[in-house]
Amino acid sequence: MSKALPFAVFAAALATASAPADAADYYAGKTIEWTVGADVGGGYDIYSRTIAKHLPKYIPGSPLILVKNLPGAGSAKAASFLATVAPKDGTAIGSLMPGGVIGPLLDDGPKPPYDPTKLVYLGTADSGTRVCATFVSSKTKTFADAQKQKTVMGASAAGGSTRDYVNMLRKAAGAQFELVTGYKGTAEIGLAVERGEVDGLCGWDWSSLKSQKSDWLRDKKVNVLVQISLEPEAELTKMGIPPVWQFIKNEDDKKAVELVVSQQVFGRPFVAPPGTNPEAVKILRDAFAAAMKDKELLADAEKAKIDINALDGAKVQDVVTKVYASPPAVVARAKELIKD
């Protein structure tokens, strides 16, 4: 018997023992807790639950995914939980409003207990467009009307787009918007609009309007005043909805608004806690990328009237890093625009 054989057997055994467990072993028998940083029934909740239904088939080991809601402070509450409390082994993920990502850059006051650049981005389901809209009964039918007369807009807490975008358009585009705040999210604001408490809302994702209030569009009960995005949205452009840029005349304000609007590139971001196990990060990023192409998921998304315009996690991570490297003067003006 060759003397080299026992050594070869020993070396092979050692290599096997030291190699990381395969992906199936990593997640077999585990539960992933998915924290949604928004209220039940809103656009972010609809996206998260639709995707969570299909994601396990792309995670080797097919873990159970448990979705829970933790709304508050424009998703900062959920982001804080993920950064400071949630486990870092790949069994905790979350979906945040973009305000939870860009808020610490633009909001004054105490900084939250998380650094958005340190969150681990797994991908985004949509790089979308936001709108301002009023109900059919409102006297404000167009954005030009909003520049001439008071229009009452519903909004959630500070840090949410429904509040920030109203302030921004009042200061940068001359809209005579008046805020009524304190609603939990867009689902609740939509009910307030139907009750006549407010005229409408701003900073509403176009995909959310279509999924939450498809009857408004079908029955022509909504006036879409303006589209807000870095590039025009084809469907809205075909409807004749003007882009926000034609109403902003000051160049410094345009740069500041571009910074605020850049958050829409990661319109539906999925994240994991800072320091999450790299092996788990790779598995999750790959799973999200594959799920975004799943025919059954896309069919469910179409039924729910939500858009899927996905961007992978590494690219989202890069966009967030670049946003946080914006010139101080642009950041300062953007802060002024979104203040109450």
Protein backbone atom coordinates (compact mmCIF):
# COMPACT_ATOMS: atom_id res chain seq x y z
CA MET A 1 0.00 0.00 0.00
CA SER A 2 1.38 3.38 -0.93
CA LYS A 3 2.45 5.54 2.03
CA ALA A 4 1.03 8.57 0.20
CA LEU A 5 -2.53 7.22 0.28
CA PRO A 6 -3.30 7.74 3.99
CA PHE A 7 -2.03 11.31 3.71
CA ALA A 8 -4.21 11.93 0.63
CA VAL A 9 -7.28 10.56 2.45
CA PHE A 10 -6.47 12.74 5.49
CA ALA A 11 -6.04 15.85 3.31
CA ALA A 12 -9.34 15.27 1.51
CA ALA A 13 -11.15 14.82 4.82
CA LEU A 14 -9.58 18.01 6.18
CA ALA A 15 -10.63 19.98 3.08
CA THR A 16 -14.19 18.70 3.39
CA ALA A 17 -14.35 19.63 7.06
CA SER A 18 -13.06 23.15 6.48
CA ALA A 19 -15.20 23.96 3.39
CA PRO A 20 -18.31 26.09 3.98
CA ALA A 21 -21.63 24.29 4.04
CA ASP A 22 -23.39 24.39 0.68
CA ALA A 23 -26.26 26.77 0.15
CA ALA A 24 -28.91 24.11 0.70
CA ASP A 25 -27.44 23.21 4.08
CA TYR A 26 -27.19 26.87 5.05
CA TYR A 27 -30.93 27.56 4.87
CA ALA A 28 -32.41 24.08 5.37
CA GLY A 29 -34.98 24.13 8.15
CA LYS A 30 -34.59 27.88 8.79
CA THR A 31 -37.10 30.72 8.86
CA ILE A 32 -36.36 34.13 7.34
CA GLU A 33 -38.14 37.00 9.07
CA TRP A 34 -38.99 39.75 6.57
CA THR A 35 -39.64 43.15 8.17
CA VAL A 36 -41.70 45.57 6.06
CA GLY A 37 -41.08 49.19 7.04
CA ALA A 38 -44.58 50.29 6.02
CA ASP A 39 -48.20 49.76 7.00
CA VAL A 40 -50.34 46.77 6.00
CA GLY A 41 -52.11 47.21 2.66
CA GLY A 42 -49.79 49.86 1.25
CA GLY A 43 -47.67 49.52 -1.87
CA TYR A 44 -44.55 48.33 -0.02
CA ASP A 45 -46.58 45.68 1.79
CA ILE A 46 -48.13 44.47 -1.48
CA TYR A 47 -44.70 44.20 -3.13
CA SER A 48 -43.15 42.39 -0.17
CA ARG A 49 -45.88 39.79 0.22
CA THR A 50 -46.06 39.13 -3.52
CA ILE A 51 -42.31 38.52 -3.73
CA ALA A 52 -42.11 36.57 -0.45
CA LYS A 53 -44.56 34.05 -1.92
CA HIS A 54 -42.07 33.09 -4.66
CA LEU A 55 -38.64 33.83 -3.17
CA PRO A 56 -38.18 30.53 -1.23
CA LYS A 57 -37.97 28.45 -4.41
CA TYR A 58 -34.80 30.34 -5.34
CA ILE A 59 -33.16 29.92 -1.93
CA PRO A 60 -31.54 26.46 -1.64
CA GLY A 61 -33.04 24.74 1.38
CA SER A 62 -36.42 26.45 0.78
CA PRO A 63 -36.67 28.32 4.08
CA LEU A 64 -40.01 29.56 5.39
CA ILE A 65 -40.44 33.34 4.98
CA LEU A 66 -42.44 35.13 7.66
CA VAL A 67 -43.53 38.67 6.73
CA LYS A 68 -44.27 41.22 9.46
CA ASN A 69 -44.92 44.97 9.39
CA LEU A 70 -42.96 47.52 11.41
CA PRO A 71 -44.05 50.95 10.12
CA GLY A 72 -42.81 54.24 11.52
CA ALA A 73 -40.66 57.28 10.72
CA GLY A 74 -40.60 56.65 6.97
CA SER A 75 -39.15 53.12 7.50
CA ALA A 76 -36.43 54.37 9.86
CA LYS A 77 -37.97 52.26 12.63
CA ALA A 78 -37.60 49.09 10.56
CA ALA A 79 -34.09 50.05 9.40
CA SER A 80 -33.05 50.68 13.02
CA PHE A 81 -34.40 47.28 14.04
CA LEU A 82 -32.51 45.55 11.24
CA ALA A 83 -29.27 47.38 12.06
CA THR A 84 -29.30 47.00 15.84
CA VAL A 85 -31.46 44.02 16.83
CA ALA A 86 -31.95 41.60 13.96
CA PRO A 87 -29.59 38.63 13.55
CA LYS A 88 -26.81 38.90 10.97
CA ASP A 89 -26.90 35.29 9.82
CA GLY A 90 -29.16 35.79 6.79
CA THR A 91 -32.41 34.99 8.61
CA ALA A 92 -33.42 38.67 8.81
CA ILE A 93 -34.22 40.84 5.79
CA GLY A 94 -36.40 43.86 5.23
CA SER A 95 -38.03 46.15 2.71
CA LEU A 96 -37.79 49.89 3.25
CA MET A 97 -39.24 53.04 1.81
CA PRO A 98 -36.50 54.97 -0.03
CA GLY A 99 -36.93 57.66 2.62
CA GLY A 100 -35.51 55.22 5.14
CA VAL A 101 -32.37 55.10 3.01
CA ILE A 102 -31.97 58.76 2.05
CA GLY A 103 -33.55 60.25 5.17
CA PRO A 104 -30.41 60.29 7.34
CA LEU A 105 -28.70 62.37 4.62
CA LEU A 106 -31.50 64.93 4.28
CA ASP A 107 -33.26 65.05 7.64
CA ASP A 108 -32.17 67.44 10.38
CA GLY A 109 -32.14 66.42 14.02
CA PRO A 110 -30.70 63.34 15.73
CA LYS A 111 -29.36 60.72 13.37
CA PRO A 112 -30.93 57.27 13.57
CA PRO A 113 -28.92 54.31 14.92
CA TYR A 114 -28.02 53.03 11.46
CA ASP A 115 -25.87 54.07 8.53
CA PRO A 116 -27.71 53.55 5.21
CA THR A 117 -24.42 52.98 3.38
CA LYS A 118 -23.70 50.05 5.70
CA LEU A 119 -27.01 48.28 5.11
CA VAL A 120 -26.60 45.33 2.74
CA TYR A 121 -28.73 45.86 -0.36
CA LEU A 122 -30.16 42.68 -1.86
CA GLY A 123 -31.89 44.39 -4.78
CA THR A 124 -34.88 46.54 -5.64
CA ALA A 125 -38.08 45.42 -7.31
CA ASP A 126 -38.80 48.74 -8.94
CA SER A 127 -37.02 51.85 -10.12
CA GLY A 128 -40.10 53.92 -10.43
CA THR A 129 -41.92 57.18 -10.88
CA ARG A 130 -43.89 59.12 -8.29
CA VAL A 131 -46.89 61.32 -8.89
CA CYS A 132 -49.10 63.96 -7.34
CA ALA A 133 -52.79 63.16 -7.67
CA THR A 134 -56.15 64.59 -6.62
CA PHE A 135 -59.61 63.07 -6.48
CA VAL A 136 -62.17 63.76 -9.18
CA SER A 137 -64.11 66.10 -6.87
CA SER A 138 -61.13 68.41 -6.31
CA LYS A 139 -61.04 71.79 -8.04
CA THR A 140 -57.36 71.13 -8.74
CA LYS A 141 -57.29 69.13 -11.96
CA THR A 142 -53.76 69.96 -13.16
CA PHE A 143 -50.44 71.02 -11.67
CA ALA A 144 -51.00 74.48 -13.17
CA ASP A 145 -54.18 74.63 -11.05
CA ALA A 146 -52.13 73.70 -7.99
CA GLN A 147 -49.82 76.64 -8.66
CA LYS A 148 -52.82 79.01 -8.58
CA GLN A 149 -55.01 77.74 -5.74
CA LYS A 150 -54.80 76.04 -2.35
CA THR A 151 -54.86 72.26 -2.56
CA VAL A 152 -54.98 70.17 0.62
CA MET A 153 -52.73 67.11 0.46
CA GLY A 154 -52.67 64.20 2.91
CA ALA A 155 -49.35 62.92 4.25
CA SER A 156 -47.81 60.48 6.69
CA ALA A 157 -45.15 61.23 9.28
CA ALA A 158 -41.96 63.18 8.64
CA GLY A 159 -39.50 61.23 6.53
CA GLY A 160 -42.11 59.84 4.17
CA SER A 161 -42.36 60.85 0.52
CA THR A 162 -45.99 61.96 0.87
CA ARG A 163 -44.77 64.73 3.18
CA ASP A 164 -41.36 65.52 1.70
CA TYR A 165 -42.59 65.80 -1.89
CA VAL A 166 -45.41 68.19 -0.98
CA ASN A 167 -42.90 70.50 0.73
CA MET A 168 -40.43 70.17 -2.13
CA LEU A 169 -42.97 71.05 -4.83
CA ARG A 170 -44.36 73.93 -2.83
CA LYS A 171 -40.90 75.52 -2.56
CA ALA A 172 -39.29 74.50 -5.86
CA ALA A 173 -42.30 74.56 -8.19
CA GLY A 174 -44.69 77.05 -6.61
CA ALA A 175 -47.50 74.62 -5.79
CA GLN A 176 -49.95 76.04 -3.23
CA PHE A 177 -50.12 72.78 -1.31
CA GLU A 178 -51.35 72.64 2.28
CA LEU A 179 -50.39 69.62 4.37
CA VAL A 180 -52.60 67.48 6.59
CA THR A 181 -50.33 64.94 8.26
CA GLY A 182 -50.56 61.98 10.62
CA TYR A 183 -51.94 59.29 8.31
CA LYS A 184 -50.33 55.84 8.59
CA GLY A 185 -49.62 55.43 4.89
CA THR A 186 -50.95 55.75 1.36
CA ALA A 187 -53.77 53.26 1.95
CA GLU A 188 -55.16 55.42 4.76
CA ILE A 189 -54.58 58.65 2.83
CA GLY A 190 -56.50 57.16 -0.09
CA LEU A 191 -59.50 56.59 2.18
CA ALA A 192 -59.21 60.18 3.45
CA VAL A 193 -59.27 61.39 -0.15
CA GLU A 194 -62.45 59.41 -0.84
CA ARG A 195 -64.04 60.86 2.33
CA GLY A 196 -63.21 64.39 1.19
CA GLU A 197 -60.84 65.13 4.09
CA VAL A 198 -58.08 66.08 1.65
CA ASP A 199 -57.82 66.75 -2.09
CA GLY A 200 -55.08 64.23 -2.81
CA LEU A 201 -51.48 63.28 -2.14
CA CYS A 202 -47.96 63.64 -3.55
CA GLY A 203 -44.93 61.37 -3.61
CA TRP A 204 -47.22 58.43 -4.40
CA ASP A 205 -45.53 55.69 -6.40
CA TRP A 206 -47.29 55.31 -9.73
CA SER A 207 -47.16 51.54 -9.27
CA SER A 208 -48.87 51.89 -5.87
CA LEU A 209 -51.64 54.07 -7.26
CA LYS A 210 -52.31 51.42 -9.91
CA SER A 211 -52.30 48.55 -7.41
CA GLN A 212 -54.17 50.24 -4.55
CA LYS A 213 -56.67 52.34 -6.48
CA SER A 214 -57.07 50.74 -9.89
CA ASP A 215 -60.79 51.66 -9.73
CA TRP A 216 -59.85 55.35 -9.57
CA LEU A 217 -58.07 54.98 -12.90
CA ARG A 218 -60.70 52.73 -14.43
CA ASP A 219 -63.59 55.00 -13.43
CA LYS A 220 -61.68 58.25 -14.11
CA LYS A 221 -61.89 59.34 -10.47
CA VAL A 222 -58.31 60.62 -10.25
CA ASN A 223 -56.43 63.60 -11.65
CA VAL A 224 -52.73 62.82 -12.04
CA LEU A 225 -51.11 66.27 -11.82
CA VAL A 226 -47.42 65.64 -12.47
CA GLN A 227 -44.90 62.82 -12.87
CA ILE A 228 -41.73 62.93 -10.76
CA SER A 229 -38.71 60.91 -11.91
CA LEU A 230 -35.25 61.39 -13.37
CA GLU A 231 -36.54 60.21 -16.76
CA PRO A 232 -40.10 60.43 -18.15
CA GLU A 233 -42.31 57.39 -17.60
CA ALA A 234 -43.72 56.17 -20.92
CA GLU A 235 -47.20 55.27 -19.69
CA LEU A 236 -47.69 58.63 -17.95
CA THR A 237 -46.21 60.54 -20.86
CA LYS A 238 -48.71 58.83 -23.18
CA MET A 239 -51.47 60.01 -20.81
CA GLY A 240 -50.21 63.58 -21.21
CA ILE A 241 -48.94 63.93 -17.62
CA PRO A 242 -46.18 66.58 -17.55
CA PRO A 243 -42.76 65.95 -15.96
CA VAL A 244 -41.93 67.95 -12.85
CA TRP A 245 -38.87 69.54 -14.48
CA GLN A 246 -40.93 71.91 -16.61
CA PHE A 247 -42.22 73.59 -13.44
CA ILE A 248 -38.84 74.12 -11.74
CA LYS A 249 -37.02 77.18 -13.11
CA ASN A 250 -34.10 77.62 -10.68
CA GLU A 251 -31.04 75.53 -11.63
CA ASP A 252 -29.87 75.07 -8.02
CA ASP A 253 -33.33 73.85 -7.10
CA LYS A 254 -33.25 71.41 -10.03
CA LYS A 255 -30.01 69.87 -8.73
CA ALA A 256 -31.48 69.57 -5.23
CA VAL A 257 -34.69 68.01 -6.53
CA GLU A 258 -32.63 65.56 -8.60
CA LEU A 259 -30.91 64.45 -5.38
CA VAL A 260 -34.24 63.88 -3.64
CA VAL A 261 -35.70 62.10 -6.66
CA SER A 262 -32.62 59.86 -7.05
CA GLN A 263 -34.02 57.71 -4.23
CA GLN A 264 -36.59 56.43 -6.73
CA VAL A 265 -33.83 54.51 -8.52
CA PHE A 266 -34.08 52.15 -5.53
CA GLY A 267 -37.85 52.49 -5.28
CA ARG A 268 -38.53 49.15 -3.53
CA PRO A 269 -35.26 48.23 -1.80
CA PHE A 270 -34.67 44.95 0.00
CA VAL A 271 -31.95 44.95 2.64
CA ALA A 272 -30.16 42.81 5.18
CA PRO A 273 -28.50 44.00 8.40
CA PRO A 274 -24.97 45.45 8.26
CA GLY A 275 -22.40 42.70 8.70
CA THR A 276 -24.67 39.93 7.43
CA ASN A 277 -22.76 36.72 6.70
CA PRO A 278 -21.28 37.14 3.17
CA GLU A 279 -22.29 33.59 2.23
CA ALA A 280 -25.91 34.40 3.07
CA VAL A 281 -25.70 37.74 1.21
CA LYS A 282 -24.65 35.99 -2.00
CA ILE A 283 -27.44 33.43 -1.67
CA LEU A 284 -30.05 36.13 -1.05
CA ARG A 285 -28.85 38.46 -3.81
CA ASP A 286 -28.87 35.59 -6.30
CA ALA A 287 -32.34 34.53 -5.13
CA PHE A 288 -33.81 38.02 -5.46
CA ALA A 289 -32.30 38.44 -8.95
CA ALA A 290 -33.75 35.09 -10.05
CA ALA A 291 -37.16 35.73 -8.47
CA MET A 292 -37.53 39.02 -10.35
CA LYS A 293 -37.59 36.98 -13.59
CA ASP A 294 -39.95 34.27 -12.32
CA LYS A 295 -42.96 33.90 -14.64
CA GLU A 296 -45.37 33.08 -11.82
CA LEU A 297 -44.16 36.06 -9.76
CA LEU A 298 -44.51 38.35 -12.78
CA ALA A 299 -48.03 37.02 -13.36
CA ASP A 300 -48.94 37.69 -9.73
CA ALA A 301 -47.39 41.16 -9.99
CA GLU A 302 -49.54 41.89 -13.03
CA LYS A 303 -52.67 40.78 -11.15
CA ALA A 304 -51.70 42.99 -8.21
CA LYS A 305 -50.97 45.82 -10.66
CA ILE A 306 -47.42 46.34 -9.41
CA ASP A 307 -44.48 47.05 -11.71
CA ILE A 308 -41.30 45.02 -11.68
CA ASN A 309 -38.29 47.02 -12.91
CA ALA A 310 -35.58 45.28 -10.94
CA LEU A 311 -32.02 46.32 -10.14
CA ASP A 312 -29.54 43.96 -8.51
CA GLY A 313 -28.15 44.43 -5.01
CA ALA A 314 -24.61 45.41 -5.97
CA LYS A 315 -25.90 48.19 -8.23
CA VAL A 316 -28.26 49.50 -5.57
CA GLN A 317 -25.36 49.52 -3.09
CA ASP A 318 -23.35 51.62 -5.56
CA VAL A 319 -26.20 54.12 -6.10
CA VAL A 320 -26.63 54.63 -2.35
CA THR A 321 -22.89 55.21 -1.92
CA LYS A 322 -22.91 57.83 -4.69
CA VAL A 323 -25.98 59.61 -3.26
CA TYR A 324 -24.19 59.97 0.08
CA ALA A 325 -21.20 61.50 -1.73
CA SER A 326 -23.31 64.40 -3.11
CA PRO A 327 -21.84 67.96 -2.85
CA PRO A 328 -22.67 69.62 0.51
CA ALA A 329 -24.35 72.63 -1.15
CA VAL A 330 -26.78 70.37 -3.04
CA VAL A 331 -27.53 68.40 0.12
CA ALA A 332 -28.13 71.63 2.06
CA ARG A 333 -30.63 72.94 -0.52
CA ALA A 334 -32.40 69.58 -0.71
CA LYS A 335 -32.82 69.68 3.08
CA GLU A 336 -34.39 73.13 2.83
CA LEU A 337 -36.82 72.00 0.15
CA ILE A 338 -38.30 69.08 2.10
CA LYS A 339 -38.64 70.89 5.43
CA ASP A 340 -42.11 71.77 6.73
